[in-house]
């Protein structure tokens, strides 16, 4: 039995890693007016944020269609018997459900959909783990069992400069956005039951960074080794500085840097930053 791994573009896994581990990818899209762009394929993250600055209206985002998944599954079926299909949280996108629907229709390929219940490179952690296990000959059930264990310890927290993007996109309630902007609160957000919800209301960015680090420290104190990612929206210098500071304090944590790409960036806006991690087995 030969197992492939498929994800969507919101995992924001670098192309060299997709190539290295033979990971398949289906893109989500952003639409400005009448122009639609598949993220990572038709528009770079830098181009996206530059375009957002000059456009009057926020872009819209769209998930891959069932047909897009069917086409990709047919391609995979030429060389594989099974596929683990790992996608962003079903609470903020229909991507996972489209994968489920396409998997029910395809013949000659056993599809195992997995709802990461999260997004960005934290979702990518699941994908990379699955791909490494698949290359080592693990069965789909063994891979899914490992992903479920990872989910028990997978955490991610993030803050945004402007809650209005999330409110307009329907990813956070308007009332919560209004309260945040009126009080100049910098709430920490996280995923809970597949949805983006406030974790804590914090007054300043400085305190939000400190709180995220405190949550990481709690996990690092209880684990032999963690893998962590700092995720930013056009704040690379800030992310690199924070990474250097955290690496000095937490030698048992392996840090990397990633980003909020076009689709997730549409809902978070520029300036967001996040921190995610999981326990290495």
Protein backbone atom coordinates (compact mmCIF):
# COMPACT_ATOMS: atom_id res chain seq x y z
CA UNK A 1 0.00 0.00 0.00
CA UNK A 2 1.35 3.38 -1.04
CA UNK A 3 0.04 6.47 0.79
CA UNK A 4 0.14 10.08 -0.44
CA UNK A 5 -0.44 13.24 1.59
CA UNK A 6 -2.52 16.16 0.35
CA UNK A 7 -3.15 19.53 1.98
CA UNK A 8 -4.40 22.95 0.95
CA UNK A 9 -2.49 26.17 0.43
CA UNK A 10 -3.36 27.62 3.85
CA UNK A 11 -0.78 25.32 5.49
CA UNK A 12 1.79 27.69 3.91
CA UNK A 13 4.44 24.97 3.70
CA UNK A 14 7.52 26.17 1.76
CA UNK A 15 7.70 24.78 -1.78
CA UNK A 16 11.00 23.03 -1.09
CA UNK A 17 9.39 21.03 1.71
CA UNK A 18 6.37 20.17 -0.46
CA UNK A 19 8.84 18.85 -3.04
CA UNK A 20 11.06 17.10 -0.52
CA UNK A 21 8.20 15.11 1.01
CA UNK A 22 6.09 14.68 -2.16
CA UNK A 23 3.18 16.59 -0.63
CA UNK A 24 0.26 17.41 -2.94
CA UNK A 25 -1.55 20.75 -2.56
CA UNK A 26 -4.86 22.27 -3.64
CA UNK A 27 -5.05 26.07 -3.54
CA UNK A 28 -7.70 28.34 -2.07
CA UNK A 29 -8.29 31.63 -3.88
CA UNK A 30 -8.65 35.34 -3.21
CA UNK A 31 -10.77 37.55 -5.45
CA UNK A 32 -10.33 41.28 -5.96
CA UNK A 33 -13.34 42.54 -7.94
CA UNK A 34 -13.52 40.30 -11.01
CA UNK A 35 -9.98 38.98 -10.71
CA UNK A 36 -9.41 35.69 -8.90
CA UNK A 37 -5.98 34.49 -7.79
CA UNK A 38 -4.99 31.05 -6.50
CA UNK A 39 -2.82 31.74 -3.49
CA UNK A 40 0.84 30.77 -3.78
CA UNK A 41 0.34 30.01 -7.49
CA UNK A 42 -1.04 33.22 -9.03
CA UNK A 43 -0.17 35.74 -6.32
CA UNK A 44 2.60 35.94 -3.75
CA UNK A 45 1.99 36.99 -0.17
CA UNK A 46 3.93 40.23 -0.72
CA UNK A 47 1.89 41.04 -3.85
CA UNK A 48 -1.30 40.31 -1.93
CA UNK A 49 -0.60 42.73 0.93
CA UNK A 50 0.51 45.41 -1.55
CA UNK A 51 -2.76 44.95 -3.45
CA UNK A 52 -4.85 45.13 -0.27
CA UNK A 53 -3.28 48.53 0.49
CA UNK A 54 -4.45 50.08 -2.79
CA UNK A 55 -7.81 48.33 -3.28
CA UNK A 56 -10.92 50.00 -1.85
CA UNK A 57 -12.61 46.76 -0.81
CA UNK A 58 -11.29 43.71 0.95
CA UNK A 59 -10.92 40.67 -1.30
CA UNK A 60 -13.18 37.65 -0.97
CA UNK A 61 -11.84 34.15 -0.37
CA UNK A 62 -13.02 30.88 -1.85
CA UNK A 63 -12.34 27.24 -1.17
CA UNK A 64 -11.38 24.59 -3.73
CA UNK A 65 -14.43 23.03 -5.39
CA UNK A 66 -15.35 19.36 -5.18
CA UNK A 67 -14.24 19.21 -8.81
CA UNK A 68 -10.82 20.61 -7.90
CA UNK A 69 -10.42 17.85 -5.33
CA UNK A 70 -11.68 15.16 -7.71
CA UNK A 71 -9.10 16.22 -10.31
CA UNK A 72 -6.32 16.15 -7.71
CA UNK A 73 -7.43 12.78 -6.34
CA UNK A 74 -7.44 11.32 -9.87
CA UNK A 75 -3.87 12.56 -10.32
CA UNK A 76 -2.84 10.99 -7.01
CA UNK A 77 -4.59 7.71 -7.88
CA UNK A 78 -2.16 7.19 -10.78
CA UNK A 79 0.65 6.43 -8.31
CA UNK A 80 -0.96 5.80 -4.91
CA UNK A 81 -3.59 3.57 -3.28
CA UNK A 82 -4.51 5.90 -0.41
CA UNK A 83 -4.26 9.57 0.52
CA UNK A 84 -4.35 11.43 3.83
CA UNK A 85 -6.11 14.73 3.05
CA UNK A 86 -5.33 17.35 5.73
CA UNK A 87 -7.13 20.69 5.69
CA UNK A 88 -7.78 23.94 7.52
CA UNK A 89 -10.43 24.05 10.19
CA UNK A 90 -13.91 23.09 9.04
CA UNK A 91 -15.27 25.87 11.27
CA UNK A 92 -13.86 28.64 9.04
CA UNK A 93 -13.91 27.01 5.59
CA UNK A 94 -15.76 24.36 3.59
CA UNK A 95 -12.46 23.00 2.22
CA UNK A 96 -12.45 19.93 4.47
CA UNK A 97 -16.07 19.11 3.54
CA UNK A 98 -15.26 19.46 -0.17
CA UNK A 99 -12.44 16.92 0.32
CA UNK A 100 -14.87 14.56 2.08
CA UNK A 101 -17.42 14.87 -0.73
CA UNK A 102 -14.83 14.32 -3.46
CA UNK A 103 -13.38 11.37 -1.56
CA UNK A 104 -16.79 9.69 -1.52
CA UNK A 105 -17.03 10.04 -5.31
CA UNK A 106 -13.57 8.92 -6.39
CA UNK A 107 -12.82 5.33 -7.37
CA UNK A 108 -9.49 3.56 -7.15
CA UNK A 109 -8.21 5.70 -4.27
CA UNK A 110 -8.98 5.42 -0.55
CA UNK A 111 -9.30 8.95 0.86
CA UNK A 112 -8.77 9.69 4.57
CA UNK A 113 -9.82 13.30 5.26
CA UNK A 114 -8.45 14.96 8.39
CA UNK A 115 -9.80 18.21 9.87
CA UNK A 116 -6.81 19.99 11.42
CA UNK A 117 -9.25 22.29 13.30
CA UNK A 118 -6.62 25.01 12.84
CA UNK A 119 -4.71 26.67 9.99
CA UNK A 120 -1.37 28.08 8.73
CA UNK A 121 1.91 26.35 9.56
CA UNK A 122 0.37 24.79 12.65
CA UNK A 123 -1.79 22.86 10.16
CA UNK A 124 1.47 22.30 8.27
CA UNK A 125 2.93 20.46 11.27
CA UNK A 126 0.32 17.74 10.78
CA UNK A 127 1.07 17.58 7.06
CA UNK A 128 4.83 17.25 7.46
CA UNK A 129 4.46 14.59 10.15
CA UNK A 130 2.06 12.61 7.95
CA UNK A 131 4.33 12.90 4.90
CA UNK A 132 7.40 11.71 6.82
CA UNK A 133 5.47 8.75 8.23
CA UNK A 134 4.07 7.89 4.78
CA UNK A 135 7.58 7.84 3.31
CA UNK A 136 8.65 5.53 6.13
CA UNK A 137 5.89 3.12 5.13
CA UNK A 138 3.34 3.82 7.89
CA UNK A 139 -0.25 2.77 7.21
CA UNK A 140 -3.07 5.36 6.96
CA UNK A 141 -4.42 4.23 10.34
CA UNK A 142 -1.01 4.63 11.98
CA UNK A 143 -0.66 8.11 10.50
CA UNK A 144 -4.15 9.18 11.62
CA UNK A 145 -3.51 7.82 15.12
CA UNK A 146 -0.38 9.96 15.33
CA UNK A 147 -2.22 13.06 14.08
CA UNK A 148 -4.89 12.57 16.72
CA UNK A 149 -2.21 12.39 19.43
CA UNK A 150 -0.61 15.58 18.06
CA UNK A 151 -4.00 17.31 18.21
CA UNK A 152 -4.15 16.79 21.99
CA UNK A 153 -1.14 19.09 22.45
CA UNK A 154 -1.43 21.36 19.39
CA UNK A 155 -1.85 25.01 20.44
CA UNK A 156 -1.88 28.31 18.59
CA UNK A 157 -2.58 31.86 19.73
CA UNK A 158 -2.54 35.04 17.69
CA UNK A 159 -3.34 38.70 17.86
CA UNK A 160 -4.42 41.07 15.11
CA UNK A 161 -4.06 44.83 14.72
CA UNK A 162 -7.62 45.30 13.44
CA UNK A 163 -10.51 43.02 14.35
CA UNK A 164 -12.74 44.46 11.60
CA UNK A 165 -11.29 42.10 8.97
CA UNK A 166 -12.37 39.05 10.98
CA UNK A 167 -15.78 40.57 11.70
CA UNK A 168 -16.46 41.46 8.05
CA UNK A 169 -15.42 38.01 6.92
CA UNK A 170 -17.77 36.38 9.40
CA UNK A 171 -14.91 34.66 11.25
CA UNK A 172 -15.52 36.62 14.45
CA UNK A 173 -18.76 38.13 15.64
CA UNK A 174 -19.36 41.84 14.98
CA UNK A 175 -20.10 42.51 18.64
CA UNK A 176 -16.72 41.15 19.70
CA UNK A 177 -14.98 43.23 17.03
CA UNK A 178 -16.79 46.40 18.11
CA UNK A 179 -15.91 45.97 21.77
CA UNK A 180 -12.28 45.33 20.89
CA UNK A 181 -11.92 48.44 18.74
CA UNK A 182 -13.75 50.72 21.21
CA UNK A 183 -11.58 49.73 24.12
CA UNK A 184 -8.35 49.45 22.09
CA UNK A 185 -8.08 45.86 23.28
CA UNK A 186 -5.55 43.53 21.64
CA UNK A 187 -7.34 40.25 22.27
CA UNK A 188 -5.51 36.99 22.02
CA UNK A 189 -7.44 34.70 19.68
CA UNK A 190 -7.34 30.95 19.26
CA UNK A 191 -9.22 28.07 17.67
CA UNK A 192 -11.83 26.40 19.84
CA UNK A 193 -14.21 23.73 18.50
CA UNK A 194 -12.99 24.58 14.96
CA UNK A 195 -13.88 28.31 15.30
CA UNK A 196 -11.78 31.44 15.90
CA UNK A 197 -12.75 32.87 19.29
CA UNK A 198 -11.20 35.30 21.81
CA UNK A 199 -8.92 33.57 24.34
CA UNK A 200 -8.23 36.59 26.55
CA UNK A 201 -8.70 40.33 26.29
CA UNK A 202 -5.37 42.08 26.61
CA UNK A 203 -4.80 45.84 26.52
CA UNK A 204 -1.49 46.15 24.69
CA UNK A 205 0.58 44.33 22.09
CA UNK A 206 3.47 44.06 24.55
CA UNK A 207 1.28 42.23 27.07
CA UNK A 208 -0.11 39.99 24.31
CA UNK A 209 3.43 38.88 23.36
CA UNK A 210 4.20 38.26 27.01
CA UNK A 211 1.04 36.18 27.48
CA UNK A 212 1.76 34.04 24.40
CA UNK A 213 5.27 33.43 25.71
CA UNK A 214 3.85 32.51 29.12
CA UNK A 215 1.57 29.91 27.53
CA UNK A 216 4.53 28.50 25.59
CA UNK A 217 6.60 28.35 28.76
CA UNK A 218 3.90 26.33 30.53
CA UNK A 219 4.02 23.78 27.68
CA UNK A 220 7.85 23.80 27.47
CA UNK A 221 8.16 23.15 31.21
CA UNK A 222 6.03 20.01 30.86
CA UNK A 223 7.54 18.57 27.68
CA UNK A 224 10.89 17.12 26.73
CA UNK A 225 10.75 18.76 23.32
CA UNK A 226 8.35 21.07 21.45
CA UNK A 227 8.17 22.22 17.85
CA UNK A 228 6.98 25.82 17.56
CA UNK A 229 6.28 28.36 14.83
CA UNK A 230 6.05 32.14 14.88
CA UNK A 231 3.55 33.28 12.24
CA UNK A 232 3.46 36.86 10.97
CA UNK A 233 1.62 39.09 8.51
CA UNK A 234 4.35 41.20 6.88
CA UNK A 235 6.24 41.48 10.17
CA UNK A 236 9.32 39.39 9.38
CA UNK A 237 11.76 41.57 11.33
CA UNK A 238 9.56 41.40 14.43
CA UNK A 239 9.19 37.62 14.03
CA UNK A 240 12.96 37.10 13.66
CA UNK A 241 13.71 39.21 16.73
CA UNK A 242 11.12 37.34 18.80
CA UNK A 243 12.44 33.99 17.58
CA UNK A 244 15.98 34.87 18.69
CA UNK A 245 14.71 35.90 22.14
CA UNK A 246 12.63 32.75 22.58
CA UNK A 247 15.39 30.41 21.37
CA UNK A 248 17.68 31.75 24.07
CA UNK A 249 15.11 31.05 26.79
CA UNK A 250 13.72 27.70 25.62
CA UNK A 251 16.47 25.31 24.44
CA UNK A 252 14.01 22.40 24.28
CA UNK A 253 11.84 24.18 21.68
CA UNK A 254 12.62 23.99 17.96
CA UNK A 255 11.42 27.30 16.46
CA UNK A 256 10.64 28.18 12.87
CA UNK A 257 9.05 31.21 11.17
CA UNK A 258 6.07 31.20 8.84
CA UNK A 259 3.46 33.69 7.65
CA UNK A 260 -0.22 34.47 7.22
CA UNK A 261 -0.72 34.13 3.45
CA UNK A 262 -3.39 35.73 1.23
CA UNK A 263 -6.46 33.70 2.29
CA UNK A 264 -5.85 33.88 6.04
CA UNK A 265 -4.41 37.39 5.66
CA UNK A 266 -7.71 38.52 4.14
CA UNK A 267 -9.41 37.78 7.46
CA UNK A 268 -6.63 38.91 9.81
CA UNK A 269 -5.26 41.97 8.02
CA UNK A 270 -1.64 43.13 8.03
CA UNK A 271 0.33 43.22 11.26
CA UNK A 272 -0.99 40.05 12.90
CA UNK A 273 1.38 37.72 14.72
CA UNK A 274 0.89 34.29 16.22
CA UNK A 275 2.68 31.50 18.06
CA UNK A 276 1.86 27.80 17.76
CA UNK A 277 3.41 24.56 18.99
CA UNK A 278 3.02 20.86 19.64
CA UNK A 279 4.76 18.20 21.69
CA UNK A 280 7.29 16.10 19.78
CA UNK A 281 6.82 12.42 20.56
